[in-house]
Amino acid sequence: MRKLMHLQKSLGKISFMADVWTDTNRKPFMGVTAHWIEAQPQAQKNAQRPQLALRADLVGFVHIPGRHTGGHLAHAFLHVLDRINITEKVYFLSFL
């Protein structure tokens, strides 16, 4: 959960990638990965700018209610965003 708090403090917007598949029991799932830039304090006290670091983390793995339709995919993705409270920081979503 600590990494998810870093998402809320990201510099700018957050990009997402989602992958959807069906398991052997015919249950559909979605995995969502977030990609963002984080400012890290410099080790030196005289440093004027923080060091920037690219971060990525799995932020959601959910069962999709029903088939792989656009509405069901959107519902599952919004559920992940609402759970981690970063909907306003969404920049881009790519489905694999």
C-alpha atoms as a PDB file:
ATOM      1  CA  MET A   1       0.000   0.000   0.000  1.00  0.00           C
ATOM      2  CA  ARG A   2       2.993   2.317   0.547  1.00  0.00           C
ATOM      3  CA  LYS A   3       3.752   2.404  -3.189  1.00  0.00           C
ATOM      4  CA  LEU A   4       0.149   3.300  -3.917  1.00  0.00           C
ATOM      5  CA  MET A   5       0.524   6.370  -1.695  1.00  0.00           C
ATOM      6  CA  HIS A   6       3.467   7.414  -3.903  1.00  0.00           C
ATOM      7  CA  LEU A   7       1.126   7.338  -6.892  1.00  0.00           C
ATOM      8  CA  GLN A   8      -1.048  10.018  -5.325  1.00  0.00           C
ATOM      9  CA  LYS A   9       2.035  12.251  -4.955  1.00  0.00           C
ATOM     10  CA  SER A  10       3.402  11.626  -8.451  1.00  0.00           C
ATOM     11  CA  LEU A  11       4.704  14.536 -10.481  1.00  0.00           C
ATOM     12  CA  GLY A  12       2.090  15.060 -13.156  1.00  0.00           C
ATOM     13  CA  LYS A  13      -0.062  12.385 -14.730  1.00  0.00           C
ATOM     14  CA  ILE A  14       0.099   8.589 -14.519  1.00  0.00           C
ATOM     15  CA  SER A  15       0.043   6.191 -17.477  1.00  0.00           C
ATOM     16  CA  PHE A  16      -1.499   2.732 -17.259  1.00  0.00           C
ATOM     17  CA  MET A  17      -1.238  -0.567 -19.085  1.00  0.00           C
ATOM     18  CA  ALA A  18      -3.851  -3.266 -18.742  1.00  0.00           C
ATOM     19  CA  ASP A  19      -3.801  -6.895 -19.819  1.00  0.00           C
ATOM     20  CA  VAL A  20      -6.983  -8.961 -19.990  1.00  0.00           C
ATOM     21  CA  TRP A  21      -7.266 -12.724 -20.247  1.00  0.00           C
ATOM     22  CA  THR A  22      -9.491 -15.665 -19.395  1.00  0.00           C
ATOM     23  CA  ASP A  23      -8.246 -18.481 -17.142  1.00  0.00           C
ATOM     24  CA  THR A  24      -8.814 -22.207 -17.709  1.00  0.00           C
ATOM     25  CA  ASN A  25     -12.108 -22.002 -15.770  1.00  0.00           C
ATOM     26  CA  ARG A  26     -13.352 -19.355 -18.269  1.00  0.00           C
ATOM     27  CA  LYS A  27     -13.145 -16.504 -15.722  1.00  0.00           C
ATOM     28  CA  PRO A  28     -11.931 -13.168 -17.174  1.00  0.00           C
ATOM     29  CA  PHE A  29      -9.312 -11.124 -15.298  1.00  0.00           C
ATOM     30  CA  MET A  30      -7.533  -7.784 -15.734  1.00  0.00           C
ATOM     31  CA  GLY A  31      -4.089  -6.776 -14.492  1.00  0.00           C
ATOM     32  CA  VAL A  32      -3.339  -3.029 -14.331  1.00  0.00           C
ATOM     33  CA  THR A  33       0.171  -1.554 -14.169  1.00  0.00           C
ATOM     34  CA  ALA A  34       0.850   2.130 -13.387  1.00  0.00           C
ATOM     35  CA  HIS A  35       3.847   4.133 -14.664  1.00  0.00           C
ATOM     36  CA  TRP A  36       4.745   7.492 -13.093  1.00  0.00           C
ATOM     37  CA  ILE A  37       7.579   9.888 -12.268  1.00  0.00           C
ATOM     38  CA  GLU A  38       8.562  10.415  -8.660  1.00  0.00           C
ATOM     39  CA  ALA A  39      10.767  13.119  -7.149  1.00  0.00           C
ATOM     40  CA  GLN A  40      13.366  11.846  -4.715  1.00  0.00           C
ATOM     41  CA  PRO A  41      15.263  14.164  -2.367  1.00  0.00           C
ATOM     42  CA  GLN A  42      18.953  14.594  -3.108  1.00  0.00           C
ATOM     43  CA  ALA A  43      21.490  13.263  -0.641  1.00  0.00           C
ATOM     44  CA  GLN A  44      23.252  16.637  -0.575  1.00  0.00           C
ATOM     45  CA  LYS A  45      21.541  19.422   1.350  1.00  0.00           C
ATOM     46  CA  ASN A  46      22.697  22.065  -1.166  1.00  0.00           C
ATOM     47  CA  ALA A  47      21.019  20.373  -4.125  1.00  0.00           C
ATOM     48  CA  GLN A  48      18.420  22.651  -5.683  1.00  0.00           C
ATOM     49  CA  ARG A  49      16.457  20.078  -7.665  1.00  0.00           C
ATOM     50  CA  PRO A  50      15.170  16.690  -6.640  1.00  0.00           C
ATOM     51  CA  GLN A  51      16.251  13.652  -8.623  1.00  0.00           C
ATOM     52  CA  LEU A  52      13.505  12.210 -10.820  1.00  0.00           C
ATOM     53  CA  ALA A  53      12.864   8.474 -11.016  1.00  0.00           C
ATOM     54  CA  LEU A  54      10.573   6.490 -13.297  1.00  0.00           C
ATOM     55  CA  ARG A  55       8.400   4.084 -11.307  1.00  0.00           C
ATOM     56  CA  ALA A  56       6.090   1.223 -12.273  1.00  0.00           C
ATOM     57  CA  ASP A  57       3.972  -1.105 -10.165  1.00  0.00           C
ATOM     58  CA  LEU A  58       1.076  -3.525 -10.402  1.00  0.00           C
ATOM     59  CA  VAL A  59      -1.860  -1.566  -8.959  1.00  0.00           C
ATOM     60  CA  GLY A  60      -4.737  -3.896  -9.663  1.00  0.00           C
ATOM     61  CA  PHE A  61      -5.636  -7.484 -10.435  1.00  0.00           C
ATOM     62  CA  VAL A  62      -9.404  -7.877 -10.693  1.00  0.00           C
ATOM     63  CA  HIS A  63     -12.051 -10.257 -11.917  1.00  0.00           C
ATOM     64  CA  ILE A  64     -14.042  -8.771 -14.786  1.00  0.00           C
ATOM     65  CA  PRO A  65     -17.798  -9.084 -14.317  1.00  0.00           C
ATOM     66  CA  GLY A  66     -18.975 -10.783 -17.521  1.00  0.00           C
ATOM     67  CA  ARG A  67     -17.359 -10.810 -20.943  1.00  0.00           C
ATOM     68  CA  HIS A  68     -14.491  -8.728 -22.359  1.00  0.00           C
ATOM     69  CA  THR A  69     -16.786  -5.946 -23.574  1.00  0.00           C
ATOM     70  CA  GLY A  70     -15.769  -2.295 -23.506  1.00  0.00           C
ATOM     71  CA  GLY A  71     -18.246  -1.543 -20.730  1.00  0.00           C
ATOM     72  CA  HIS A  72     -17.015  -4.368 -18.513  1.00  0.00           C
ATOM     73  CA  LEU A  73     -13.360  -3.419 -19.112  1.00  0.00           C
ATOM     74  CA  ALA A  74     -14.079   0.231 -18.282  1.00  0.00           C
ATOM     75  CA  HIS A  75     -15.962  -0.778 -15.121  1.00  0.00           C
ATOM     76  CA  ALA A  76     -13.063  -2.986 -13.940  1.00  0.00           C
ATOM     77  CA  PHE A  77     -10.470  -0.285 -14.713  1.00  0.00           C
ATOM     78  CA  LEU A  78     -12.450   2.441 -12.918  1.00  0.00           C
ATOM     79  CA  HIS A  79     -12.846   0.101  -9.930  1.00  0.00           C
ATOM     80  CA  VAL A  80      -9.038  -0.117  -9.677  1.00  0.00           C
ATOM     81  CA  LEU A  81      -8.660   3.681  -9.958  1.00  0.00           C
ATOM     82  CA  ASP A  82     -11.355   4.364  -7.364  1.00  0.00           C
ATOM     83  CA  ARG A  83      -9.789   1.898  -4.938  1.00  0.00           C
ATOM     84  CA  ILE A  84      -6.425   3.686  -5.004  1.00  0.00           C
ATOM     85  CA  ASN A  85      -7.943   7.184  -5.329  1.00  0.00           C
ATOM     86  CA  ILE A  86      -6.002   8.486  -8.344  1.00  0.00           C
ATOM     87  CA  THR A  87      -8.690   8.915 -11.012  1.00  0.00           C
ATOM     88  CA  GLU A  88      -7.834  12.598 -11.564  1.00  0.00           C
ATOM     89  CA  LYS A  89      -4.195  11.757 -12.385  1.00  0.00           C
ATOM     90  CA  VAL A  90      -4.938   9.397 -15.307  1.00  0.00           C
ATOM     91  CA  TYR A  91      -3.037  10.322 -18.449  1.00  0.00           C
ATOM     92  CA  PHE A  92      -3.083   7.291 -20.718  1.00  0.00           C
ATOM     93  CA  LEU A  93      -4.392   3.724 -20.789  1.00  0.00           C
ATOM     94  CA  SER A  94      -3.110   1.021 -23.100  1.00  0.00           C
ATOM     95  CA  PHE A  95      -4.637  -2.455 -23.360  1.00  0.00           C
ATOM     96  CA  LEU A  96      -2.336  -5.266 -24.402  1.00  0.00           C
END
